C-alpha cells in the first residue's frame, strides 16, 4: 500500500512525462538470439545489439521471478535550436512483481546511446619534424554519445557473459571493426578512443547515479551534451540480480534540429550549391559591412 502511494506521488510530480508499461518489457526469450526482441508497439530505432556484430557465447536467460520494468522518460524528444546548450533526461520507473521480493540485492542499469556511425582511429607519428597520420583502425559502428548510470559499481553487479550479450559497458560500445584490422594489436587504438571521448564527456560511466527505493522505485538524471547529432537515441533499462539481467526495457528519444538550425542543415545537404552561394554572399556582405564601419570610424 505504501509503495503504491509513493509511486502515485512520483508520477503526479511529472505530469509531462510519458509512462510506458507492459509491452515495453523486452527480456530475451531466445537464448541463441542475443538481442532485445521487438515489442508490440511500433519502434523507430534499430534493434541493439546489431545482429551482424560479433558477440559473446549465448547464455541461458535468468529466472525473472515475476519482476518486470515499468519505466518512463521525462522527454521523448529533444529539439536542437540556436540557443541549445544541452538537455537533462529524467528516467524513472518501478519494478512490477506478483510475488514477494526475492532475496539478494536488486540493481538497475540505465544507458542512453546516440546513433552509431563508422569512424577511423589514426595513430600519429613524427616524421621529419611533422606529426602525420600513420597506422589506423577502422571501426564499423560507434555511437557519438553513450552514457551508463548504475546503482552500484558496474563490475559488482553485471556478469561478463551478460555484458557481452547486451554490450552495456564502455569497452563494448565499439561493436565491430570494418574489415580486417591493419595492425596486430587494436586494443591501444580503442582504448585511446574511449579515453578521449570520456575526457570530452561524450562517453560517461556514472556509477551510483541511479537511486533505488525499497527495491521498487528508481530514477536517474542523464545530461545530454550541447553538441548532439540528429537521430533516434535509445534508452535502455536493465534489472539485475546476482550479476544476471532479469528484465530489460527500451525506449526512444528523438533528437532533431528545429527552426533556422534545421533549415540550414537541410539546405546544406539537399542543395549544397545554393548553400555554398548563400554562404559566400553572407561572407561578402559581412566583409563589406565591416569595411564600411571602419571607414566611418576613421573619418570620425
C-alpha atoms as a PDB file:
ATOM      1  CA  UNK A   1       0.000   0.000   0.000  1.00  0.00           C
ATOM      2  CA  UNK A   2       2.786   2.396   0.968  1.00  0.00           C
ATOM      3  CA  UNK A   3       4.718   1.636  -2.252  1.00  0.00           C
ATOM      4  CA  UNK A   4       1.595   2.360  -4.323  1.00  0.00           C
ATOM      5  CA  UNK A   5       1.150   5.737  -2.625  1.00  0.00           C
ATOM      6  CA  UNK A   6       4.817   6.639  -3.180  1.00  0.00           C
ATOM      7  CA  UNK A   7       4.618   5.663  -6.862  1.00  0.00           C
ATOM      8  CA  UNK A   8       1.439   7.705  -7.347  1.00  0.00           C
ATOM      9  CA  UNK A   9       3.112  10.772  -5.770  1.00  0.00           C
ATOM     10  CA  UNK A  10       6.148  10.268  -8.026  1.00  0.00           C
ATOM     11  CA  UNK A  11       4.003  10.220 -11.171  1.00  0.00           C
ATOM     12  CA  UNK A  12       1.990  13.225 -10.025  1.00  0.00           C
ATOM     13  CA  UNK A  13       5.175  15.307  -9.876  1.00  0.00           C
ATOM     14  CA  UNK A  14       5.897  14.503 -13.528  1.00  0.00           C
ATOM     15  CA  UNK A  15       2.729  15.442 -15.476  1.00  0.00           C
ATOM     16  CA  UNK A  16       4.563  15.866 -18.782  1.00  0.00           C
ATOM     17  CA  UNK A  17       6.340  12.520 -18.669  1.00  0.00           C
ATOM     18  CA  UNK A  18       5.384   9.545 -20.770  1.00  0.00           C
ATOM     19  CA  UNK A  19       4.936   6.267 -18.827  1.00  0.00           C
ATOM     20  CA  UNK A  20       5.403   3.030 -20.728  1.00  0.00           C
ATOM     21  CA  UNK A  21       4.147  -0.274 -19.355  1.00  0.00           C
ATOM     22  CA  UNK A  22       3.565  -3.880 -20.148  1.00  0.00           C
ATOM     23  CA  UNK A  23       4.576  -4.288 -23.776  1.00  0.00           C
ATOM     24  CA  UNK A  24       7.804  -2.373 -23.167  1.00  0.00           C
ATOM     25  CA  UNK A  25       9.347  -5.301 -21.315  1.00  0.00           C
ATOM     26  CA  UNK A  26      11.996  -6.774 -23.607  1.00  0.00           C
ATOM     27  CA  UNK A  27      13.519  -9.714 -21.776  1.00  0.00           C
ATOM     28  CA  UNK A  28      15.141 -12.083 -24.328  1.00  0.00           C
ATOM     29  CA  UNK A  29      13.122 -15.218 -24.983  1.00  0.00           C
ATOM     30  CA  UNK A  30      15.600 -16.964 -27.284  1.00  0.00           C
ATOM     31  CA  UNK A  31      18.999 -17.524 -25.641  1.00  0.00           C
ATOM     32  CA  UNK A  32      20.578 -18.005 -29.069  1.00  0.00           C
ATOM     33  CA  UNK A  33      19.409 -14.640 -30.388  1.00  0.00           C
ATOM     34  CA  UNK A  34      21.394 -12.349 -28.095  1.00  0.00           C
ATOM     35  CA  UNK A  35      19.038  -9.468 -28.950  1.00  0.00           C
ATOM     36  CA  UNK A  36      16.310  -7.464 -27.337  1.00  0.00           C
ATOM     37  CA  UNK A  37      13.244  -8.805 -29.203  1.00  0.00           C
ATOM     38  CA  UNK A  38      10.747  -6.345 -30.732  1.00  0.00           C
ATOM     39  CA  UNK A  39       7.720  -5.284 -28.708  1.00  0.00           C
ATOM     40  CA  UNK A  40       4.144  -4.894 -29.898  1.00  0.00           C
ATOM     41  CA  UNK A  41       4.328  -1.097 -30.042  1.00  0.00           C
ATOM     42  CA  UNK A  42       5.935   0.290 -33.232  1.00  0.00           C
ATOM     43  CA  UNK A  43       9.584   1.221 -32.898  1.00  0.00           C
ATOM     44  CA  UNK A  44      11.590   3.643 -34.976  1.00  0.00           C
ATOM     45  CA  UNK A  45      15.089   2.685 -33.861  1.00  0.00           C
ATOM     46  CA  UNK A  46      17.091  -0.389 -34.886  1.00  0.00           C
ATOM     47  CA  UNK A  47      17.461  -3.286 -32.505  1.00  0.00           C
ATOM     48  CA  UNK A  48      20.510  -3.352 -30.284  1.00  0.00           C
ATOM     49  CA  UNK A  49      22.984  -5.009 -30.382  1.00  0.00           C
ATOM     50  CA  UNK A  50      23.479  -5.121 -34.131  1.00  0.00           C
ATOM     51  CA  UNK A  51      22.776  -8.716 -35.229  1.00  0.00           C
ATOM     52  CA  UNK A  52      25.706  -8.513 -37.624  1.00  0.00           C
ATOM     53  CA  UNK A  53      28.177  -7.691 -34.877  1.00  0.00           C
ATOM     54  CA  UNK A  54      30.239 -10.346 -33.066  1.00  0.00           C
ATOM     55  CA  UNK A  55      29.108 -11.101 -29.533  1.00  0.00           C
ATOM     56  CA  UNK A  56      29.808 -13.441 -26.684  1.00  0.00           C
ATOM     57  CA  UNK A  57      28.613 -17.017 -26.404  1.00  0.00           C
ATOM     58  CA  UNK A  58      24.859 -17.288 -25.716  1.00  0.00           C
ATOM     59  CA  UNK A  59      23.869 -17.890 -22.146  1.00  0.00           C
ATOM     60  CA  UNK A  60      20.627 -19.111 -20.658  1.00  0.00           C
ATOM     61  CA  UNK A  61      18.186 -16.392 -19.584  1.00  0.00           C
ATOM     62  CA  UNK A  62      17.819 -15.822 -15.879  1.00  0.00           C
ATOM     63  CA  UNK A  63      14.685 -16.658 -13.926  1.00  0.00           C
ATOM     64  CA  UNK A  64      12.659 -13.458 -13.934  1.00  0.00           C
ATOM     65  CA  UNK A  65      10.878 -14.256 -10.692  1.00  0.00           C
ATOM     66  CA  UNK A  66       7.898 -12.157 -11.775  1.00  0.00           C
ATOM     67  CA  UNK A  67       9.883  -8.879 -11.800  1.00  0.00           C
ATOM     68  CA  UNK A  68       9.446  -6.502 -14.728  1.00  0.00           C
ATOM     69  CA  UNK A  69      10.385  -2.910 -15.527  1.00  0.00           C
ATOM     70  CA  UNK A  70       7.702  -0.218 -15.633  1.00  0.00           C
ATOM     71  CA  UNK A  71       9.514   2.896 -16.832  1.00  0.00           C
ATOM     72  CA  UNK A  72       9.169   6.287 -18.460  1.00  0.00           C
ATOM     73  CA  UNK A  73      11.162   9.299 -19.667  1.00  0.00           C
ATOM     74  CA  UNK A  74      10.690  12.963 -18.844  1.00  0.00           C
ATOM     75  CA  UNK A  75      11.376  13.825 -22.513  1.00  0.00           C
ATOM     76  CA  UNK A  76      10.863  11.582 -25.510  1.00  0.00           C
ATOM     77  CA  UNK A  77      12.002  14.334 -27.917  1.00  0.00           C
ATOM     78  CA  UNK A  78      14.826  16.900 -27.797  1.00  0.00           C
ATOM     79  CA  UNK A  79      14.742  20.000 -30.017  1.00  0.00           C
ATOM     80  CA  UNK A  80      18.094  21.481 -31.066  1.00  0.00           C
ATOM     81  CA  UNK A  81      17.785  25.238 -31.544  1.00  0.00           C
ATOM     82  CA  UNK A  82      20.316  28.053 -31.962  1.00  0.00           C
ATOM     83  CA  UNK A  83      20.396  28.508 -28.173  1.00  0.00           C
ATOM     84  CA  UNK A  84      20.518  24.793 -27.294  1.00  0.00           C
ATOM     85  CA  UNK A  85      23.068  24.120 -24.521  1.00  0.00           C
ATOM     86  CA  UNK A  86      22.221  20.546 -23.603  1.00  0.00           C
ATOM     87  CA  UNK A  87      19.302  18.749 -22.030  1.00  0.00           C
ATOM     88  CA  UNK A  88      18.614  16.695 -18.907  1.00  0.00           C
ATOM     89  CA  UNK A  89      16.691  13.444 -19.339  1.00  0.00           C
ATOM     90  CA  UNK A  90      14.958  12.051 -16.256  1.00  0.00           C
ATOM     91  CA  UNK A  91      14.480   8.284 -16.439  1.00  0.00           C
ATOM     92  CA  UNK A  92      12.210   6.881 -13.747  1.00  0.00           C
ATOM     93  CA  UNK A  93      10.067   3.869 -13.051  1.00  0.00           C
ATOM     94  CA  UNK A  94       9.266   0.962 -10.801  1.00  0.00           C
ATOM     95  CA  UNK A  95       9.621  -2.804 -10.553  1.00  0.00           C
ATOM     96  CA  UNK A  96       6.355  -4.650 -11.080  1.00  0.00           C
ATOM     97  CA  UNK A  97       6.127  -8.021  -9.378  1.00  0.00           C
ATOM     98  CA  UNK A  98       3.400 -10.509  -8.474  1.00  0.00           C
ATOM     99  CA  UNK A  99       5.462 -12.427  -5.937  1.00  0.00           C
ATOM    100  CA  UNK A 100       7.308 -11.429  -2.749  1.00  0.00           C
ATOM    101  CA  UNK A 101      10.606  -9.618  -3.221  1.00  0.00           C
ATOM    102  CA  UNK A 102      13.310 -12.263  -3.768  1.00  0.00           C
ATOM    103  CA  UNK A 103      16.340 -12.444  -1.531  1.00  0.00           C
ATOM    104  CA  UNK A 104      19.505 -10.716  -2.639  1.00  0.00           C
ATOM    105  CA  UNK A 105      20.186  -7.181  -3.856  1.00  0.00           C
ATOM    106  CA  UNK A 106      18.337  -5.740  -6.850  1.00  0.00           C
ATOM    107  CA  UNK A 107      20.279  -3.407  -9.155  1.00  0.00           C
ATOM    108  CA  UNK A 108      19.364  -1.145 -12.062  1.00  0.00           C
ATOM    109  CA  UNK A 109      21.440  -0.064 -15.057  1.00  0.00           C
ATOM    110  CA  UNK A 110      20.331   2.749 -17.386  1.00  0.00           C
ATOM    111  CA  UNK A 111      22.023   3.554 -20.700  1.00  0.00           C
ATOM    112  CA  UNK A 112      21.460   6.249 -23.331  1.00  0.00           C
ATOM    113  CA  UNK A 113      23.078   5.790 -26.725  1.00  0.00           C
ATOM    114  CA  UNK A 114      23.318   8.020 -29.796  1.00  0.00           C
ATOM    115  CA  UNK A 115      23.040   6.596 -33.318  1.00  0.00           C
ATOM    116  CA  UNK A 116      26.142   4.652 -34.322  1.00  0.00           C
ATOM    117  CA  UNK A 117      28.350   5.568 -37.249  1.00  0.00           C
ATOM    118  CA  UNK A 118      31.665   4.290 -38.675  1.00  0.00           C
ATOM    119  CA  UNK A 119      34.897   6.050 -37.794  1.00  0.00           C
ATOM    120  CA  UNK A 120      38.656   5.743 -38.216  1.00  0.00           C
ATOM    121  CA  UNK A 121      41.181   5.829 -35.364  1.00  0.00           C
ATOM    122  CA  UNK A 122      44.560   7.137 -36.530  1.00  0.00           C
ATOM    123  CA  UNK A 123      47.938   6.855 -34.851  1.00  0.00           C
ATOM    124  CA  UNK A 124      50.099   9.957 -35.212  1.00  0.00           C
ATOM    125  CA  UNK A 125      53.861   9.747 -35.561  1.00  0.00           C
ATOM    126  CA  UNK A 126      56.584  12.330 -36.006  1.00  0.00           C
ATOM    127  CA  UNK A 127      58.107  12.258 -39.490  1.00  0.00           C
ATOM    128  CA  UNK A 128      60.839  14.785 -40.404  1.00  0.00           C
ATOM    129  CA  UNK A 129      59.661  17.116 -37.641  1.00  0.00           C
ATOM    130  CA  UNK A 130      55.969  16.960 -38.667  1.00  0.00           C
ATOM    131  CA  UNK A 131      53.197  14.979 -36.967  1.00  0.00           C
ATOM    132  CA  UNK A 132      51.387  12.861 -39.558  1.00  0.00           C
ATOM    133  CA  UNK A 133      48.785  10.066 -39.541  1.00  0.00           C
ATOM    134  CA  UNK A 134      50.332   6.605 -39.898  1.00  0.00           C
ATOM    135  CA  UNK A 135      48.574   3.362 -38.953  1.00  0.00           C
ATOM    136  CA  UNK A 136      44.830   3.246 -38.494  1.00  0.00           C
ATOM    137  CA  UNK A 137      41.942   1.106 -37.250  1.00  0.00           C
ATOM    138  CA  UNK A 138      38.508   1.330 -38.892  1.00  0.00           C
ATOM    139  CA  UNK A 139      35.575   0.901 -36.502  1.00  0.00           C
ATOM    140  CA  UNK A 140      32.352  -0.200 -38.152  1.00  0.00           C
ATOM    141  CA  UNK A 141      29.918   1.167 -35.547  1.00  0.00           C
ATOM    142  CA  UNK A 142      30.418   3.521 -32.615  1.00  0.00           C
ATOM    143  CA  UNK A 143      27.905   5.934 -31.044  1.00  0.00           C
ATOM    144  CA  UNK A 144      28.861   9.593 -30.794  1.00  0.00           C
ATOM    145  CA  UNK A 145      27.383   9.675 -27.261  1.00  0.00           C
ATOM    146  CA  UNK A 146      26.983   6.892 -24.711  1.00  0.00           C
ATOM    147  CA  UNK A 147      26.160   7.151 -21.011  1.00  0.00           C
ATOM    148  CA  UNK A 148      25.783   4.415 -18.395  1.00  0.00           C
ATOM    149  CA  UNK A 149      24.219   5.013 -14.960  1.00  0.00           C
ATOM    150  CA  UNK A 150      24.112   2.298 -12.294  1.00  0.00           C
ATOM    151  CA  UNK A 151      23.027   1.745  -8.711  1.00  0.00           C
ATOM    152  CA  UNK A 152      26.432   0.313  -7.719  1.00  0.00           C
ATOM    153  CA  UNK A 153      29.843  -0.243  -9.376  1.00  0.00           C
ATOM    154  CA  UNK A 154      29.254  -1.977 -12.701  1.00  0.00           C
ATOM    155  CA  UNK A 155      31.801  -4.746 -12.099  1.00  0.00           C
ATOM    156  CA  UNK A 156      29.977  -5.699  -8.886  1.00  0.00           C
ATOM    157  CA  UNK A 157      26.501  -6.050 -10.423  1.00  0.00           C
ATOM    158  CA  UNK A 158      26.991  -7.248 -14.030  1.00  0.00           C
ATOM    159  CA  UNK A 159      28.476 -10.608 -15.030  1.00  0.00           C
ATOM    160  CA  UNK A 160      30.792 -10.595 -18.082  1.00  0.00           C
ATOM    161  CA  UNK A 161      28.638 -13.013 -20.116  1.00  0.00           C
ATOM    162  CA  UNK A 162      25.579 -10.775 -19.731  1.00  0.00           C
ATOM    163  CA  UNK A 163      27.698  -7.752 -20.597  1.00  0.00           C
ATOM    164  CA  UNK A 164      28.797  -9.497 -23.798  1.00  0.00           C
ATOM    165  CA  UNK A 165      25.207 -10.177 -24.732  1.00  0.00           C
ATOM    166  CA  UNK A 166      23.806  -6.671 -24.197  1.00  0.00           C
ATOM    167  CA  UNK A 167      27.035  -4.667 -24.705  1.00  0.00           C
ATOM    168  CA  UNK A 168      26.489  -2.399 -21.702  1.00  0.00           C
ATOM    169  CA  UNK A 169      29.982  -1.402 -20.557  1.00  0.00           C
ATOM    170  CA  UNK A 170      32.034   1.278 -22.317  1.00  0.00           C
ATOM    171  CA  UNK A 171      34.660  -1.071 -23.855  1.00  0.00           C
ATOM    172  CA  UNK A 172      31.888  -2.997 -25.634  1.00  0.00           C
ATOM    173  CA  UNK A 173      30.217   0.088 -27.098  1.00  0.00           C
ATOM    174  CA  UNK A 174      32.519  -0.232 -30.148  1.00  0.00           C
ATOM    175  CA  UNK A 175      30.646  -3.074 -31.736  1.00  0.00           C
ATOM    176  CA  UNK A 176      32.625  -4.136 -34.820  1.00  0.00           C
ATOM    177  CA  UNK A 177      35.684  -3.467 -36.931  1.00  0.00           C
ATOM    178  CA  UNK A 178      35.253  -2.520 -40.578  1.00  0.00           C
ATOM    179  CA  UNK A 179      37.154  -5.311 -42.298  1.00  0.00           C
ATOM    180  CA  UNK A 180      40.347  -6.902 -41.098  1.00  0.00           C
ATOM    181  CA  UNK A 181      42.435  -4.537 -38.935  1.00  0.00           C
ATOM    182  CA  UNK A 182      45.682  -3.340 -40.493  1.00  0.00           C
ATOM    183  CA  UNK A 183      47.518  -3.517 -37.150  1.00  0.00           C
ATOM    184  CA  UNK A 184      48.331  -6.513 -34.977  1.00  0.00           C
ATOM    185  CA  UNK A 185      47.019  -5.050 -31.704  1.00  0.00           C
ATOM    186  CA  UNK A 186      43.845  -2.943 -31.887  1.00  0.00           C
ATOM    187  CA  UNK A 187      43.471  -2.537 -28.107  1.00  0.00           C
ATOM    188  CA  UNK A 188      45.585   0.663 -27.777  1.00  0.00           C
ATOM    189  CA  UNK A 189      43.511   2.300 -30.514  1.00  0.00           C
ATOM    190  CA  UNK A 190      40.138   1.529 -28.964  1.00  0.00           C
ATOM    191  CA  UNK A 191      41.386   2.463 -25.509  1.00  0.00           C
ATOM    192  CA  UNK A 192      42.600   5.813 -26.844  1.00  0.00           C
ATOM    193  CA  UNK A 193      39.206   6.498 -28.449  1.00  0.00           C
ATOM    194  CA  UNK A 194      37.360   5.635 -25.236  1.00  0.00           C
ATOM    195  CA  UNK A 195      39.736   7.802 -23.186  1.00  0.00           C
ATOM    196  CA  UNK A 196      39.332  10.826 -25.471  1.00  0.00           C
ATOM    197  CA  UNK A 197      35.549  10.559 -25.563  1.00  0.00           C
ATOM    198  CA  UNK A 198      35.387  10.149 -21.809  1.00  0.00           C
ATOM    199  CA  UNK A 199      37.524  13.270 -21.389  1.00  0.00           C
ATOM    200  CA  UNK A 200      35.184  15.381 -23.536  1.00  0.00           C
ATOM    201  CA  UNK A 201      32.085  13.969 -21.845  1.00  0.00           C
ATOM    202  CA  UNK A 202      30.724  12.016 -24.812  1.00  0.00           C
ATOM    203  CA  UNK A 203      31.198   8.660 -23.072  1.00  0.00           C
ATOM    204  CA  UNK A 204      30.258   8.554 -19.389  1.00  0.00           C
ATOM    205  CA  UNK A 205      30.136   5.940 -16.660  1.00  0.00           C
ATOM    206  CA  UNK A 206      28.098   7.241 -13.704  1.00  0.00           C
ATOM    207  CA  UNK A 207      28.250   4.551 -11.044  1.00  0.00           C
ATOM    208  CA  UNK A 208      25.870   5.112  -8.147  1.00  0.00           C
ATOM    209  CA  UNK A 209      23.798   7.652 -10.123  1.00  0.00           C
ATOM    210  CA  UNK A 210      20.632   5.520 -10.092  1.00  0.00           C
ATOM    211  CA  UNK A 211      18.545   5.896  -6.931  1.00  0.00           C
ATOM    212  CA  UNK A 212      16.635   2.746  -5.931  1.00  0.00           C
ATOM    213  CA  UNK A 213      14.000   2.988  -3.162  1.00  0.00           C
ATOM    214  CA  UNK A 214      12.839  -0.151  -1.341  1.00  0.00           C
ATOM    215  CA  UNK A 215      13.790  -2.356  -4.305  1.00  0.00           C
ATOM    216  CA  UNK A 216      10.784  -0.913  -6.145  1.00  0.00           C
ATOM    217  CA  UNK A 217      11.191   2.712  -7.323  1.00  0.00           C
ATOM    218  CA  UNK A 218      14.178   4.035  -9.265  1.00  0.00           C
ATOM    219  CA  UNK A 219      15.243   7.223 -11.011  1.00  0.00           C
ATOM    220  CA  UNK A 220      18.271   8.881 -12.545  1.00  0.00           C
ATOM    221  CA  UNK A 221      19.147  12.044 -14.469  1.00  0.00           C
ATOM    222  CA  UNK A 222      21.430  11.888 -17.509  1.00  0.00           C
ATOM    223  CA  UNK A 223      22.791  15.060 -19.077  1.00  0.00           C
ATOM    224  CA  UNK A 224      22.899  15.230 -22.878  1.00  0.00           C
ATOM    225  CA  UNK A 225      25.688  17.486 -24.216  1.00  0.00           C
ATOM    226  CA  UNK A 226      25.124  20.575 -26.356  1.00  0.00           C
ATOM    227  CA  UNK A 227      26.817  19.165 -29.463  1.00  0.00           C
ATOM    228  CA  UNK A 228      24.326  16.372 -30.147  1.00  0.00           C
ATOM    229  CA  UNK A 229      23.872  14.890 -33.582  1.00  0.00           C
ATOM    230  CA  UNK A 230      20.418  14.290 -35.005  1.00  0.00           C
ATOM    231  CA  UNK A 231      18.886  10.855 -34.802  1.00  0.00           C
ATOM    232  CA  UNK A 232      16.914   8.393 -32.734  1.00  0.00           C
ATOM    233  CA  UNK A 233      18.686   7.924 -29.424  1.00  0.00           C
ATOM    234  CA  UNK A 234      17.989   4.785 -27.408  1.00  0.00           C
ATOM    235  CA  UNK A 235      17.451   4.440 -23.690  1.00  0.00           C
ATOM    236  CA  UNK A 236      17.744   1.011 -22.081  1.00  0.00           C
ATOM    237  CA  UNK A 237      16.883  -0.045 -18.536  1.00  0.00           C
ATOM    238  CA  UNK A 238      18.103  -3.334 -17.048  1.00  0.00           C
ATOM    239  CA  UNK A 239      17.065  -5.097 -13.848  1.00  0.00           C
ATOM    240  CA  UNK A 240      19.754  -7.345 -12.378  1.00  0.00           C
ATOM    241  CA  UNK A 241      20.127  -9.866  -9.590  1.00  0.00           C
ATOM    242  CA  UNK A 242      23.361 -11.691  -8.807  1.00  0.00           C
ATOM    243  CA  UNK A 243      25.010 -10.362 -11.954  1.00  0.00           C
ATOM    244  CA  UNK A 244      22.294 -11.571 -14.355  1.00  0.00           C
ATOM    245  CA  UNK A 245      19.790  -9.481 -16.318  1.00  0.00           C
ATOM    246  CA  UNK A 246      16.267 -10.488 -15.294  1.00  0.00           C
ATOM    247  CA  UNK A 247      14.382  -7.923 -17.376  1.00  0.00           C
ATOM    248  CA  UNK A 248      15.138  -5.163 -19.875  1.00  0.00           C
ATOM    249  CA  UNK A 249      13.220  -2.239 -21.333  1.00  0.00           C
ATOM    250  CA  UNK A 250      13.929   0.007 -24.336  1.00  0.00           C
ATOM    251  CA  UNK A 251      12.630   3.447 -25.298  1.00  0.00           C
ATOM    252  CA  UNK A 252      13.420   6.007 -27.996  1.00  0.00           C
ATOM    253  CA  UNK A 253      14.464   9.657 -27.675  1.00  0.00           C
ATOM    254  CA  UNK A 254      14.046  11.691 -30.856  1.00  0.00           C
ATOM    255  CA  UNK A 255      16.704  14.377 -31.319  1.00  0.00           C
ATOM    256  CA  UNK A 256      16.025  16.843 -34.154  1.00  0.00           C
ATOM    257  CA  UNK A 257      17.108  20.294 -35.224  1.00  0.00           C
ATOM    258  CA  UNK A 258      14.238  22.804 -35.420  1.00  0.00           C
ATOM    259  CA  UNK A 259      13.712  26.305 -36.777  1.00  0.00           C
ATOM    260  CA  UNK A 260      16.606  28.065 -38.520  1.00  0.00           C
ATOM    261  CA  UNK A 261      19.042  25.348 -37.437  1.00  0.00           C
ATOM    262  CA  UNK A 262      17.078  22.651 -39.273  1.00  0.00           C
ATOM    263  CA  UNK A 263      16.518  24.810 -42.366  1.00  0.00           C
ATOM    264  CA  UNK A 264      20.246  25.466 -42.759  1.00  0.00           C
ATOM    265  CA  UNK A 265      21.082  21.829 -42.012  1.00  0.00           C
ATOM    266  CA  UNK A 266      18.692  20.516 -44.666  1.00  0.00           C
ATOM    267  CA  UNK A 267      19.777  23.171 -47.161  1.00  0.00           C
ATOM    268  CA  UNK A 268      23.432  22.144 -46.818  1.00  0.00           C
ATOM    269  CA  UNK A 269      22.609  18.510 -47.644  1.00  0.00           C
ATOM    270  CA  UNK A 270      19.731  18.895 -50.112  1.00  0.00           C
ATOM    271  CA  UNK A 271      21.031  21.897 -52.109  1.00  0.00           C
ATOM    272  CA  UNK A 272      24.780  22.232 -51.473  1.00  0.00           C
ATOM    273  CA  UNK A 273      25.326  24.637 -54.418  1.00  0.00           C
ATOM    274  CA  UNK A 274      22.709  27.078 -53.148  1.00  0.00           C
ATOM    275  CA  UNK A 275      24.059  26.737 -49.599  1.00  0.00           C
ATOM    276  CA  UNK A 276      27.605  27.500 -50.808  1.00  0.00           C
ATOM    277  CA  UNK A 277      26.472  30.557 -52.815  1.00  0.00           C
ATOM    278  CA  UNK A 278      24.460  31.833 -49.846  1.00  0.00           C
ATOM    279  CA  UNK A 279      27.449  31.369 -47.518  1.00  0.00           C
ATOM    280  CA  UNK A 280      29.668  33.248 -49.966  1.00  0.00           C
ATOM    281  CA  UNK A 281      27.139  36.079 -50.190  1.00  0.00           C
ATOM    282  CA  UNK A 282      26.909  36.323 -46.390  1.00  0.00           C
ATOM    283  CA  UNK A 283      30.725  36.460 -46.145  1.00  0.00           C
ATOM    284  CA  UNK A 284      30.931  39.202 -48.812  1.00  0.00           C
ATOM    285  CA  UNK A 285      28.202  41.273 -47.167  1.00  0.00           C
ATOM    286  CA  UNK A 286      29.796  40.866 -43.723  1.00  0.00           C
ATOM    287  CA  UNK A 287      33.212  41.900 -45.064  1.00  0.00           C
ATOM    288  CA  UNK A 288      31.782  44.930 -46.880  1.00  0.00           C
ATOM    289  CA  UNK A 289      29.847  45.962 -43.768  1.00  0.00           C
ATOM    290  CA  UNK A 290      32.909  45.706 -41.539  1.00  0.00           C
ATOM    291  CA  UNK A 291      34.982  47.716 -44.059  1.00  0.00           C
ATOM    292  CA  UNK A 292      32.320  50.451 -44.256  1.00  0.00           C
ATOM    293  CA  UNK A 293      32.118  50.651 -40.479  1.00  0.00           C
ATOM    294  CA  UNK A 294      35.911  51.080 -40.141  1.00  0.00           C
ATOM    295  CA  UNK A 295      35.919  53.823 -42.805  1.00  0.00           C
ATOM    296  CA  UNK A 296      33.281  55.753 -40.887  1.00  0.00           C
ATOM    297  CA  UNK A 297      35.279  55.375 -37.678  1.00  0.00           C
ATOM    298  CA  UNK A 298      38.405  56.785 -39.335  1.00  0.00           C
ATOM    299  CA  UNK A 299      36.509  59.783 -40.677  1.00  0.00           C
ATOM    300  CA  UNK A 300      35.041  60.442 -37.251  1.00  0.00           C
END
